[in-house]
Amino acid sequence: MRVETIIFMAILTAKFPYVTIDSFSTKGTPFAEERRGLMQGKQEKQAKQQKYAYVRVSYKHQNTARQIKAMIKLGIARCNIIVEKASGKDFNREKYLQMLDKLQDGDILYICSIDRLGRNYDGIISEWHRLTKTLNIIVKVIDNPVLDTETIPATLIEKYIQDMTLLTLAFQAEQEWQNIKVRQEAGIAIAKEKGKILGRPKIARTEKEICTIQAWRNGILKPDEAMQTLNLKKSAFYKLANELQNI
């Protein structure tokens, strides 16, 4: 308490003995009640707050172990780590959309890097706005602490840096994706020039398979008899029949 305040209170108390310092307390005022309510609301919100992580790779053969390990180190429950193997060209991804349905106001979403969120420049910017503004989700980018929406920029220059960082990384994400497509197309063109067969090699079918399918098509064998002869289930049998339809 300041000296001036102490002197004022001493004079006031001398003239009005029934006045005490507690008389000037704000503990029972509407302002204090409102402040306590806000603090309580914040604590309740933090108690309900959930941490999620989104892990993405583009292809099925790619490994997600590194990303998952990073999320577990942050204390994120394994059930809240959403793993998806899908292209980042847009946000129409099954598991990503399912995750959005789970996210609640104030939850935290971790991603290892911006390109794990997506690889489309306009899409990244739009989705970032939806997450942070519309859904009020806190987003944390592990490899770039600047992109942490829990920390509100204190100055205009800090906000500018955060915005420019997002724009730059979104640009780099799509640029890299375009470069990958160019390299893939060039590789395919070279392979075709050399006469290489692309894609999965066709399985060589046995004479028994070919003859059994032909016998079924000609009405000599019933479907059940043909399936039993080849020891195939219904789905596998008709898949084989489609492969051999031109024979």
C-alpha atoms as a PDB file:
ATOM      1  CA  MET A   1       0.000   0.000   0.000  1.00  0.00           C
ATOM      2  CA  ARG A   2       1.313   3.430  -0.924  1.00  0.00           C
ATOM      3  CA  VAL A   3       2.323   5.991   1.772  1.00  0.00           C
ATOM      4  CA  GLU A   4      -0.308   8.477   0.614  1.00  0.00           C
ATOM      5  CA  THR A   5      -3.001   5.836   1.011  1.00  0.00           C
ATOM      6  CA  ILE A   6      -1.855   4.937   4.541  1.00  0.00           C
ATOM      7  CA  ILE A   7      -1.915   8.615   5.633  1.00  0.00           C
ATOM      8  CA  PHE A   8      -5.354   9.100   4.090  1.00  0.00           C
ATOM      9  CA  MET A   9      -6.722   6.013   5.858  1.00  0.00           C
ATOM     10  CA  ALA A  10      -5.208   7.132   9.198  1.00  0.00           C
ATOM     11  CA  ILE A  11      -6.892  10.550   8.976  1.00  0.00           C
ATOM     12  CA  LEU A  12     -10.185   9.016   7.860  1.00  0.00           C
ATOM     13  CA  THR A  13     -10.150   6.448  10.673  1.00  0.00           C
ATOM     14  CA  ALA A  14      -9.387   9.148  13.271  1.00  0.00           C
ATOM     15  CA  LYS A  15     -12.449  11.151  12.215  1.00  0.00           C
ATOM     16  CA  PHE A  16     -14.686   8.140  11.565  1.00  0.00           C
ATOM     17  CA  PRO A  17     -13.713   5.286  13.926  1.00  0.00           C
ATOM     18  CA  TYR A  18     -16.298   2.929  12.441  1.00  0.00           C
ATOM     19  CA  VAL A  19     -14.547   3.046   9.024  1.00  0.00           C
ATOM     20  CA  THR A  20     -11.986   0.280   8.482  1.00  0.00           C
ATOM     21  CA  ILE A  21      -9.746  -0.743   5.603  1.00  0.00           C
ATOM     22  CA  ASP A  22     -12.088  -3.662   4.957  1.00  0.00           C
ATOM     23  CA  SER A  23     -14.744  -1.092   4.093  1.00  0.00           C
ATOM     24  CA  PHE A  24     -12.737  -0.304   0.958  1.00  0.00           C
ATOM     25  CA  SER A  25     -12.233  -3.931  -0.049  1.00  0.00           C
ATOM     26  CA  THR A  26     -13.492  -4.976  -3.468  1.00  0.00           C
ATOM     27  CA  LYS A  27     -14.069  -8.580  -2.388  1.00  0.00           C
ATOM     28  CA  GLY A  28     -17.818  -8.226  -2.285  1.00  0.00           C
ATOM     29  CA  THR A  29     -18.262  -5.877  -5.222  1.00  0.00           C
ATOM     30  CA  PRO A  30     -19.884  -6.847  -8.549  1.00  0.00           C
ATOM     31  CA  PHE A  31     -16.474  -6.304 -10.178  1.00  0.00           C
ATOM     32  CA  ALA A  32     -14.858  -8.867  -7.903  1.00  0.00           C
ATOM     33  CA  GLU A  33     -17.689 -11.325  -8.463  1.00  0.00           C
ATOM     34  CA  GLU A  34     -17.353 -10.947 -12.221  1.00  0.00           C
ATOM     35  CA  ARG A  35     -13.583 -11.471 -12.008  1.00  0.00           C
ATOM     36  CA  ARG A  36     -14.025 -14.606  -9.924  1.00  0.00           C
ATOM     37  CA  GLY A  37     -16.566 -15.874 -12.452  1.00  0.00           C
ATOM     38  CA  LEU A  38     -14.165 -15.340 -15.346  1.00  0.00           C
ATOM     39  CA  MET A  39     -11.352 -17.113 -13.485  1.00  0.00           C
ATOM     40  CA  GLN A  40     -13.626 -20.013 -12.621  1.00  0.00           C
ATOM     41  CA  GLY A  41     -14.807 -20.264 -16.231  1.00  0.00           C
ATOM     42  CA  LYS A  42     -11.211 -20.331 -17.449  1.00  0.00           C
ATOM     43  CA  GLN A  43     -10.306 -23.100 -14.991  1.00  0.00           C
ATOM     44  CA  GLU A  44     -13.338 -25.169 -16.012  1.00  0.00           C
ATOM     45  CA  LYS A  45     -12.443 -24.700 -19.679  1.00  0.00           C
ATOM     46  CA  GLN A  46      -8.859 -25.845 -19.062  1.00  0.00           C
ATOM     47  CA  ALA A  47     -10.139 -28.896 -17.173  1.00  0.00           C
ATOM     48  CA  LYS A  48     -12.239 -29.930 -20.201  1.00  0.00           C
ATOM     49  CA  GLN A  49      -9.496 -29.081 -22.703  1.00  0.00           C
ATOM     50  CA  GLN A  50      -8.275 -32.029 -24.773  1.00  0.00           C
ATOM     51  CA  LYS A  51      -4.995 -32.454 -26.629  1.00  0.00           C
ATOM     52  CA  TYR A  52      -5.091 -33.960 -30.124  1.00  0.00           C
ATOM     53  CA  ALA A  53      -2.428 -34.660 -32.712  1.00  0.00           C
ATOM     54  CA  TYR A  54      -2.770 -35.060 -36.457  1.00  0.00           C
ATOM     55  CA  VAL A  55      -0.185 -37.266 -38.170  1.00  0.00           C
ATOM     56  CA  ARG A  56      -0.227 -37.568 -41.962  1.00  0.00           C
ATOM     57  CA  VAL A  57       1.808 -39.165 -44.723  1.00  0.00           C
ATOM     58  CA  SER A  58       0.853 -39.273 -48.392  1.00  0.00           C
ATOM     59  CA  TYR A  59       1.396 -42.944 -49.214  1.00  0.00           C
ATOM     60  CA  LYS A  60       0.642 -46.251 -47.510  1.00  0.00           C
ATOM     61  CA  HIS A  61       4.274 -47.401 -47.567  1.00  0.00           C
ATOM     62  CA  GLN A  62       5.480 -44.300 -45.694  1.00  0.00           C
ATOM     63  CA  ASN A  63       6.284 -44.589 -41.985  1.00  0.00           C
ATOM     64  CA  THR A  64       4.473 -42.496 -39.368  1.00  0.00           C
ATOM     65  CA  ALA A  65       6.592 -43.650 -36.387  1.00  0.00           C
ATOM     66  CA  ARG A  66       8.662 -40.435 -36.127  1.00  0.00           C
ATOM     67  CA  GLN A  67       5.605 -38.189 -35.974  1.00  0.00           C
ATOM     68  CA  ILE A  68       3.787 -40.446 -33.509  1.00  0.00           C
ATOM     69  CA  LYS A  69       6.845 -40.609 -31.230  1.00  0.00           C
ATOM     70  CA  ALA A  70       7.032 -36.799 -31.165  1.00  0.00           C
ATOM     71  CA  MET A  71       3.369 -36.561 -30.152  1.00  0.00           C
ATOM     72  CA  ILE A  72       3.691 -39.164 -27.387  1.00  0.00           C
ATOM     73  CA  LYS A  73       6.627 -37.184 -25.946  1.00  0.00           C
ATOM     74  CA  LEU A  74       4.285 -34.210 -25.633  1.00  0.00           C
ATOM     75  CA  GLY A  75       2.004 -36.298 -23.431  1.00  0.00           C
ATOM     76  CA  ILE A  76      -0.785 -36.746 -25.962  1.00  0.00           C
ATOM     77  CA  ALA A  77      -2.885 -39.860 -25.356  1.00  0.00           C
ATOM     78  CA  ARG A  78      -2.461 -42.482 -28.068  1.00  0.00           C
ATOM     79  CA  CYS A  79      -6.231 -42.537 -28.642  1.00  0.00           C
ATOM     80  CA  ASN A  80      -6.079 -38.815 -29.498  1.00  0.00           C
ATOM     81  CA  ILE A  81      -3.343 -39.209 -32.102  1.00  0.00           C
ATOM     82  CA  ILE A  82      -5.094 -39.320 -35.472  1.00  0.00           C
ATOM     83  CA  VAL A  83      -2.978 -41.066 -38.120  1.00  0.00           C
ATOM     84  CA  GLU A  84      -3.876 -40.770 -41.788  1.00  0.00           C
ATOM     85  CA  LYS A  85      -2.251 -41.946 -45.000  1.00  0.00           C
ATOM     86  CA  ALA A  86      -3.692 -39.657 -47.642  1.00  0.00           C
ATOM     87  CA  SER A  87      -2.639 -36.933 -50.049  1.00  0.00           C
ATOM     88  CA  GLY A  88      -2.417 -33.397 -48.695  1.00  0.00           C
ATOM     89  CA  LYS A  89      -3.733 -31.814 -51.898  1.00  0.00           C
ATOM     90  CA  ASP A  90      -7.069 -31.002 -50.187  1.00  0.00           C
ATOM     91  CA  PHE A  91      -8.855 -31.434 -46.858  1.00  0.00           C
ATOM     92  CA  ASN A  92     -11.458 -33.934 -47.984  1.00  0.00           C
ATOM     93  CA  ARG A  93      -9.842 -36.696 -45.917  1.00  0.00           C
ATOM     94  CA  GLU A  94     -11.864 -39.240 -43.971  1.00  0.00           C
ATOM     95  CA  LYS A  95      -9.931 -39.291 -40.691  1.00  0.00           C
ATOM     96  CA  TYR A  96      -9.233 -35.565 -40.728  1.00  0.00           C
ATOM     97  CA  LEU A  97     -12.954 -34.808 -41.052  1.00  0.00           C
ATOM     98  CA  GLN A  98     -13.730 -37.290 -38.263  1.00  0.00           C
ATOM     99  CA  MET A  99     -11.191 -35.481 -36.073  1.00  0.00           C
ATOM    100  CA  LEU A 100     -12.897 -32.123 -36.713  1.00  0.00           C
ATOM    101  CA  ASP A 101     -16.129 -33.595 -35.359  1.00  0.00           C
ATOM    102  CA  LYS A 102     -14.329 -34.457 -32.096  1.00  0.00           C
ATOM    103  CA  LEU A 103     -12.589 -31.115 -31.581  1.00  0.00           C
ATOM    104  CA  GLN A 104     -14.265 -28.805 -29.079  1.00  0.00           C
ATOM    105  CA  ASP A 105     -13.874 -25.095 -28.354  1.00  0.00           C
ATOM    106  CA  GLY A 106     -10.474 -24.547 -26.663  1.00  0.00           C
ATOM    107  CA  ASP A 107      -8.937 -27.937 -27.521  1.00  0.00           C
ATOM    108  CA  ILE A 108      -5.317 -28.068 -28.653  1.00  0.00           C
ATOM    109  CA  LEU A 109      -4.259 -29.572 -31.982  1.00  0.00           C
ATOM    110  CA  TYR A 110      -0.604 -30.468 -32.567  1.00  0.00           C
ATOM    111  CA  ILE A 111       0.990 -31.039 -35.981  1.00  0.00           C
ATOM    112  CA  CYS A 112       4.666 -31.698 -36.688  1.00  0.00           C
ATOM    113  CA  SER A 113       4.824 -29.202 -39.546  1.00  0.00           C
ATOM    114  CA  ILE A 114       2.515 -27.207 -41.784  1.00  0.00           C
ATOM    115  CA  ASP A 115       2.903 -29.618 -44.709  1.00  0.00           C
ATOM    116  CA  ARG A 116       1.455 -32.396 -42.499  1.00  0.00           C
ATOM    117  CA  LEU A 117      -1.716 -30.322 -42.288  1.00  0.00           C
ATOM    118  CA  GLY A 118      -1.849 -29.987 -46.074  1.00  0.00           C
ATOM    119  CA  ARG A 119       0.006 -29.064 -49.253  1.00  0.00           C
ATOM    120  CA  ASN A 120      -2.426 -26.659 -50.865  1.00  0.00           C
ATOM    121  CA  TYR A 121      -1.576 -22.975 -50.317  1.00  0.00           C
ATOM    122  CA  ASP A 122      -5.117 -21.576 -50.360  1.00  0.00           C
ATOM    123  CA  GLY A 123      -6.414 -24.618 -48.498  1.00  0.00           C
ATOM    124  CA  ILE A 124      -3.892 -24.259 -45.672  1.00  0.00           C
ATOM    125  CA  ILE A 125      -4.683 -20.578 -45.136  1.00  0.00           C
ATOM    126  CA  SER A 126      -8.439 -21.217 -45.225  1.00  0.00           C
ATOM    127  CA  GLU A 127      -8.229 -24.253 -42.922  1.00  0.00           C
ATOM    128  CA  TRP A 128      -5.981 -22.418 -40.454  1.00  0.00           C
ATOM    129  CA  HIS A 129      -8.592 -19.647 -40.221  1.00  0.00           C
ATOM    130  CA  ARG A 130     -11.397 -22.189 -39.725  1.00  0.00           C
ATOM    131  CA  LEU A 131      -9.516 -23.998 -36.949  1.00  0.00           C
ATOM    132  CA  THR A 132      -8.309 -20.953 -35.047  1.00  0.00           C
ATOM    133  CA  LYS A 133     -11.155 -18.475 -35.625  1.00  0.00           C
ATOM    134  CA  THR A 134     -14.350 -20.388 -36.405  1.00  0.00           C
ATOM    135  CA  LEU A 135     -13.786 -23.480 -34.249  1.00  0.00           C
ATOM    136  CA  ASN A 136     -11.589 -21.655 -31.687  1.00  0.00           C
ATOM    137  CA  ILE A 137      -8.992 -24.448 -31.654  1.00  0.00           C
ATOM    138  CA  ILE A 138      -5.470 -23.809 -30.381  1.00  0.00           C
ATOM    139  CA  VAL A 139      -2.996 -24.977 -33.042  1.00  0.00           C
ATOM    140  CA  LYS A 140       0.639 -25.742 -32.250  1.00  0.00           C
ATOM    141  CA  VAL A 141       3.208 -26.472 -34.979  1.00  0.00           C
ATOM    142  CA  ILE A 142       6.057 -28.416 -33.372  1.00  0.00           C
ATOM    143  CA  ASP A 143       8.860 -27.498 -35.773  1.00  0.00           C
ATOM    144  CA  ASN A 144       7.905 -23.803 -35.748  1.00  0.00           C
ATOM    145  CA  PRO A 145       7.003 -22.328 -32.308  1.00  0.00           C
ATOM    146  CA  VAL A 146       6.046 -19.020 -33.964  1.00  0.00           C
ATOM    147  CA  LEU A 147       2.885 -20.759 -35.161  1.00  0.00           C
ATOM    148  CA  ASP A 148       1.434 -21.296 -31.695  1.00  0.00           C
ATOM    149  CA  THR A 149      -1.993 -19.688 -31.471  1.00  0.00           C
ATOM    150  CA  GLU A 150      -2.142 -20.119 -27.703  1.00  0.00           C
ATOM    151  CA  THR A 151       0.409 -17.296 -27.459  1.00  0.00           C
ATOM    152  CA  ILE A 152      -1.338 -14.142 -28.606  1.00  0.00           C
ATOM    153  CA  PRO A 153       1.082 -11.723 -30.342  1.00  0.00           C
ATOM    154  CA  ALA A 154       1.838  -8.831 -27.975  1.00  0.00           C
ATOM    155  CA  THR A 155       2.643  -6.319 -30.709  1.00  0.00           C
ATOM    156  CA  LEU A 156       1.713  -5.621 -34.309  1.00  0.00           C
ATOM    157  CA  ILE A 157       5.164  -6.705 -35.495  1.00  0.00           C
ATOM    158  CA  GLU A 158       4.775 -10.077 -33.721  1.00  0.00           C
ATOM    159  CA  LYS A 159       1.398 -10.588 -35.413  1.00  0.00           C
ATOM    160  CA  TYR A 160       2.945  -9.674 -38.757  1.00  0.00           C
ATOM    161  CA  ILE A 161       5.767 -12.198 -38.226  1.00  0.00           C
ATOM    162  CA  GLN A 162       3.273 -14.933 -37.312  1.00  0.00           C
ATOM    163  CA  ASP A 163       1.099 -14.218 -40.356  1.00  0.00           C
ATOM    164  CA  MET A 164       4.075 -14.064 -42.732  1.00  0.00           C
ATOM    165  CA  THR A 165       5.487 -17.309 -41.322  1.00  0.00           C
ATOM    166  CA  LEU A 166       2.198 -19.077 -42.047  1.00  0.00           C
ATOM    167  CA  LEU A 167       2.038 -17.680 -45.601  1.00  0.00           C
ATOM    168  CA  THR A 168       5.673 -18.598 -46.319  1.00  0.00           C
ATOM    169  CA  LEU A 169       5.357 -22.172 -45.037  1.00  0.00           C
ATOM    170  CA  ALA A 170       2.067 -22.677 -46.893  1.00  0.00           C
ATOM    171  CA  PHE A 171       3.756 -21.513 -50.095  1.00  0.00           C
ATOM    172  CA  GLN A 172       6.700 -23.872 -49.525  1.00  0.00           C
ATOM    173  CA  ALA A 173       4.333 -26.789 -48.837  1.00  0.00           C
ATOM    174  CA  GLU A 174       2.512 -26.434 -52.164  1.00  0.00           C
ATOM    175  CA  GLN A 175       5.715 -25.623 -54.070  1.00  0.00           C
ATOM    176  CA  GLU A 176       7.325 -28.842 -52.844  1.00  0.00           C
ATOM    177  CA  TRP A 177       4.194 -30.825 -53.748  1.00  0.00           C
ATOM    178  CA  GLN A 178       4.283 -29.390 -57.296  1.00  0.00           C
ATOM    179  CA  ASN A 179       7.987 -30.259 -57.581  1.00  0.00           C
ATOM    180  CA  ILE A 180       7.257 -33.842 -56.512  1.00  0.00           C
ATOM    181  CA  LYS A 181       4.559 -34.150 -59.209  1.00  0.00           C
ATOM    182  CA  VAL A 182       6.954 -32.828 -61.869  1.00  0.00           C
ATOM    183  CA  ARG A 183       9.629 -35.344 -60.847  1.00  0.00           C
ATOM    184  CA  GLN A 184       7.093 -38.193 -60.866  1.00  0.00           C
ATOM    185  CA  GLU A 185       5.827 -37.272 -64.338  1.00  0.00           C
ATOM    186  CA  ALA A 186       9.403 -37.035 -65.632  1.00  0.00           C
ATOM    187  CA  GLY A 187      10.215 -40.445 -64.145  1.00  0.00           C
ATOM    188  CA  ILE A 188       7.120 -42.019 -65.722  1.00  0.00           C
ATOM    189  CA  ALA A 189       7.972 -40.547 -69.138  1.00  0.00           C
ATOM    190  CA  ILE A 190      11.552 -41.893 -68.972  1.00  0.00           C
ATOM    191  CA  ALA A 191      10.312 -45.328 -67.875  1.00  0.00           C
ATOM    192  CA  LYS A 192       7.862 -45.483 -70.801  1.00  0.00           C
ATOM    193  CA  GLU A 193      10.610 -44.508 -73.249  1.00  0.00           C
ATOM    194  CA  LYS A 194      12.689 -47.409 -71.968  1.00  0.00           C
ATOM    195  CA  GLY A 195       9.735 -49.772 -72.362  1.00  0.00           C
ATOM    196  CA  LYS A 196       9.298 -50.454 -68.672  1.00  0.00           C
ATOM    197  CA  ILE A 197       5.905 -51.667 -67.499  1.00  0.00           C
ATOM    198  CA  LEU A 198       4.575 -49.438 -64.737  1.00  0.00           C
ATOM    199  CA  GLY A 199       2.313 -50.479 -61.920  1.00  0.00           C
ATOM    200  CA  ARG A 200       1.873 -53.878 -60.318  1.00  0.00           C
ATOM    201  CA  PRO A 201       2.907 -56.833 -62.470  1.00  0.00           C
ATOM    202  CA  LYS A 202      -0.023 -58.989 -63.584  1.00  0.00           C
ATOM    203  CA  ILE A 203      -0.290 -62.395 -61.929  1.00  0.00           C
ATOM    204  CA  ALA A 204       0.225 -65.306 -64.316  1.00  0.00           C
ATOM    205  CA  ARG A 205      -2.918 -67.444 -64.272  1.00  0.00           C
ATOM    206  CA  THR A 206      -2.752 -71.212 -64.367  1.00  0.00           C
ATOM    207  CA  GLU A 207      -4.341 -73.402 -67.031  1.00  0.00           C
ATOM    208  CA  LYS A 208      -6.649 -74.831 -64.362  1.00  0.00           C
ATOM    209  CA  GLU A 209      -7.974 -71.365 -63.505  1.00  0.00           C
ATOM    210  CA  ILE A 210      -8.497 -70.447 -67.168  1.00  0.00           C
ATOM    211  CA  CYS A 211     -10.248 -73.739 -68.046  1.00  0.00           C
ATOM    212  CA  THR A 212     -12.484 -73.645 -64.956  1.00  0.00           C
ATOM    213  CA  ILE A 213     -13.631 -70.096 -65.679  1.00  0.00           C
ATOM    214  CA  GLN A 214     -14.333 -71.002 -69.313  1.00  0.00           C
ATOM    215  CA  ALA A 215     -16.310 -74.069 -68.210  1.00  0.00           C
ATOM    216  CA  TRP A 216     -18.400 -71.915 -65.856  1.00  0.00           C
ATOM    217  CA  ARG A 217     -19.047 -69.350 -68.596  1.00  0.00           C
ATOM    218  CA  ASN A 218     -20.139 -72.095 -71.015  1.00  0.00           C
ATOM    219  CA  GLY A 219     -22.559 -73.514 -68.445  1.00  0.00           C
ATOM    220  CA  ILE A 220     -20.619 -76.736 -67.969  1.00  0.00           C
ATOM    221  CA  LEU A 221     -19.934 -75.934 -64.302  1.00  0.00           C
ATOM    222  CA  LYS A 222     -22.220 -74.248 -61.799  1.00  0.00           C
ATOM    223  CA  PRO A 223     -20.755 -71.296 -59.846  1.00  0.00           C
ATOM    224  CA  ASP A 224     -20.490 -73.347 -56.633  1.00  0.00           C
ATOM    225  CA  GLU A 225     -18.742 -76.169 -58.468  1.00  0.00           C
ATOM    226  CA  ALA A 226     -16.271 -73.772 -60.109  1.00  0.00           C
ATOM    227  CA  MET A 227     -15.527 -72.087 -56.756  1.00  0.00           C
ATOM    228  CA  GLN A 228     -14.986 -75.467 -55.106  1.00  0.00           C
ATOM    229  CA  THR A 229     -12.698 -76.592 -57.939  1.00  0.00           C
ATOM    230  CA  LEU A 230     -10.502 -73.498 -57.510  1.00  0.00           C
ATOM    231  CA  ASN A 231     -10.941 -73.375 -53.731  1.00  0.00           C
ATOM    232  CA  LEU A 232     -12.023 -69.727 -53.944  1.00  0.00           C
ATOM    233  CA  LYS A 233     -14.605 -67.679 -52.085  1.00  0.00           C
ATOM    234  CA  LYS A 234     -17.319 -65.892 -54.048  1.00  0.00           C
ATOM    235  CA  SER A 235     -15.606 -62.473 -54.139  1.00  0.00           C
ATOM    236  CA  ALA A 236     -12.237 -63.926 -55.199  1.00  0.00           C
ATOM    237  CA  PHE A 237     -13.905 -66.114 -57.830  1.00  0.00           C
ATOM    238  CA  TYR A 238     -15.693 -63.236 -59.557  1.00  0.00           C
ATOM    239  CA  LYS A 239     -12.593 -61.085 -59.340  1.00  0.00           C
ATOM    240  CA  LEU A 240     -10.682 -63.808 -61.188  1.00  0.00           C
ATOM    241  CA  ALA A 241     -13.503 -64.108 -63.723  1.00  0.00           C
ATOM    242  CA  ASN A 242     -13.291 -60.376 -64.452  1.00  0.00           C
ATOM    243  CA  GLU A 243      -9.540 -60.609 -64.981  1.00  0.00           C
ATOM    244  CA  LEU A 244     -10.020 -63.466 -67.456  1.00  0.00           C
ATOM    245  CA  GLN A 245     -13.080 -62.090 -69.241  1.00  0.00           C
ATOM    246  CA  ASN A 246     -11.206 -61.538 -72.512  1.00  0.00           C
ATOM    247  CA  ILE A 247      -9.865 -65.088 -72.643  1.00  0.00           C
END
